[in-house]
Protein backbone atom coordinates (compact mmCIF):
# COMPACT_ATOMS: atom_id res chain seq x y z
CA UNK A 1 46.80 46.53 136.76
CA UNK A 2 43.52 48.28 136.05
CA UNK A 3 41.74 50.69 138.34
CA UNK A 4 38.81 49.28 140.26
CA UNK A 5 35.30 50.64 140.62
CA UNK A 6 35.23 54.04 142.25
CA UNK A 7 38.85 54.70 141.30
CA UNK A 8 39.60 58.08 139.76
CA UNK A 9 40.08 58.25 136.04
CA UNK A 10 41.21 60.93 133.63
CA UNK A 11 38.52 62.31 131.32
CA UNK A 12 39.39 64.26 128.20
CA UNK A 13 36.94 66.52 126.43
CA UNK A 14 38.45 67.31 123.06
CA UNK A 15 36.99 69.75 120.54
CA UNK A 16 38.25 69.43 116.97
CA UNK A 17 37.41 70.70 113.52
CA UNK A 18 35.63 67.97 111.60
CA UNK A 19 34.11 68.19 108.12
CA UNK A 20 31.04 66.05 108.78
CA UNK A 21 29.35 63.61 111.15
CA UNK A 22 30.57 60.82 108.85
CA UNK A 23 34.20 61.94 109.32
CA UNK A 24 33.95 62.12 113.13
CA UNK A 25 34.49 58.38 113.86
CA UNK A 26 37.74 58.37 111.85
CA UNK A 27 38.99 61.42 113.77
CA UNK A 28 38.03 59.73 117.03
CA UNK A 29 40.17 56.72 116.03
CA UNK A 30 43.10 59.05 115.37
CA UNK A 31 42.69 60.62 118.81
CA UNK A 32 42.56 57.17 120.43
CA UNK A 33 45.68 56.19 118.47
CA UNK A 34 47.48 59.30 119.77
CA UNK A 35 46.58 58.13 123.29
CA UNK A 36 47.31 54.43 122.68
CA UNK A 37 50.01 54.35 125.37
CA UNK A 38 47.31 55.26 127.90
CA UNK A 39 44.72 52.70 126.73
CA UNK A 40 42.19 55.49 126.22
CA UNK A 41 38.58 54.62 125.50
CA UNK A 42 35.81 56.59 123.85
CA UNK A 43 32.97 57.52 126.15
CA UNK A 44 29.99 57.99 123.85
CA UNK A 45 29.80 58.97 120.21
CA UNK A 46 31.35 62.21 118.94
CA UNK A 47 28.83 65.05 118.88
CA UNK A 48 28.67 68.29 116.96
CA UNK A 49 29.26 71.26 119.27
CA UNK A 50 26.10 73.33 119.23
CA UNK A 51 27.87 76.69 119.67
CA UNK A 52 30.34 76.06 116.85
CA UNK A 53 28.95 73.52 114.37
CA UNK A 54 32.32 73.12 112.63
CA UNK A 55 33.63 71.47 115.83
CA UNK A 56 32.89 68.05 117.24
CA UNK A 57 33.26 67.05 120.88
CA UNK A 58 35.08 63.81 121.67
CA UNK A 59 34.96 62.45 125.20
CA UNK A 60 37.68 59.97 126.12
CA UNK A 61 38.71 58.31 129.37
CA UNK A 62 41.92 56.87 130.75
CA UNK A 63 42.05 54.73 133.89
CA UNK A 64 44.31 55.92 136.67
CA UNK A 65 44.81 59.38 138.11
CA UNK A 66 48.58 58.91 137.80
CA UNK A 67 48.22 59.29 134.00
CA UNK A 68 47.11 62.93 134.20
CA UNK A 69 50.59 64.55 134.21
CA UNK A 70 51.74 62.38 131.30
CA UNK A 71 48.69 63.30 129.23
CA UNK A 72 49.07 67.04 129.79
CA UNK A 73 52.77 66.53 129.13
CA UNK A 74 51.99 65.51 125.55
CA UNK A 75 51.85 69.24 124.85
CA UNK A 76 54.00 71.52 126.96
CA UNK A 77 52.28 74.82 126.07
CA UNK A 78 48.74 76.13 126.11
CA UNK A 79 47.51 74.64 129.41
CA UNK A 80 45.65 76.62 132.06
CA UNK A 81 44.92 75.20 135.51
CA UNK A 82 41.14 75.56 135.95
CA UNK A 83 40.62 73.08 138.74
CA UNK A 84 39.73 73.45 142.36
CA UNK A 85 40.33 71.44 145.54
CA UNK A 86 37.69 68.90 144.51
CA UNK A 87 38.24 68.50 140.76
CA UNK A 88 41.70 68.92 139.23
CA UNK A 89 41.24 70.27 135.71
CA UNK A 90 43.40 71.74 132.95
CA UNK A 91 42.21 73.45 129.78
CA UNK A 92 44.25 73.61 126.59
CA UNK A 93 43.73 76.25 123.91
CA UNK A 94 45.34 76.01 120.51
CA UNK A 95 47.99 78.52 119.67
CA UNK A 96 50.14 78.91 116.55
CA UNK A 97 52.74 76.18 116.20
CA UNK A 98 51.39 74.11 119.11
CA UNK A 99 49.51 70.84 118.70
CA UNK A 100 47.70 68.53 121.13
CA UNK A 101 46.86 65.01 119.88
CA UNK A 102 45.89 66.04 116.33
CA UNK A 103 46.25 69.13 114.10
CA UNK A 104 42.46 69.69 114.09
CA UNK A 105 42.15 69.89 117.89
CA UNK A 106 41.41 73.48 118.94
CA UNK A 107 40.45 73.06 122.63
CA UNK A 108 40.70 70.34 125.26
CA UNK A 109 39.96 69.81 128.91
CA UNK A 110 41.67 67.15 130.98
CA UNK A 111 40.14 66.47 134.37
CA UNK A 112 40.14 63.90 137.11
CA UNK A 113 36.76 62.31 137.82
CA UNK A 114 35.43 59.42 139.89
CA UNK A 115 34.04 56.54 137.88
């Protein structure tokens, strides 16, 4: 059963090392594959991060607020609760020996948003 209009969804902002703009779509496919159980979808094309040009930003969405704990559960370490009463949000920072979705991911934010 899919979520209807106005239903909350999980949005992931993922920053990963990527060699070039041409390599970004392949990395995006790998991220989507890592989230295949959640039927994740890309939300816009990957973009180079202006502050750190070696990183690309990937924005992905997953229908259903109930998916949020399972997604953050894909990596048990590195999460910080950054949300408030209105917008639940968790930020993940890479640390040695810990991986989230792909070895090139260095930072991620998982938050609950209205469609």
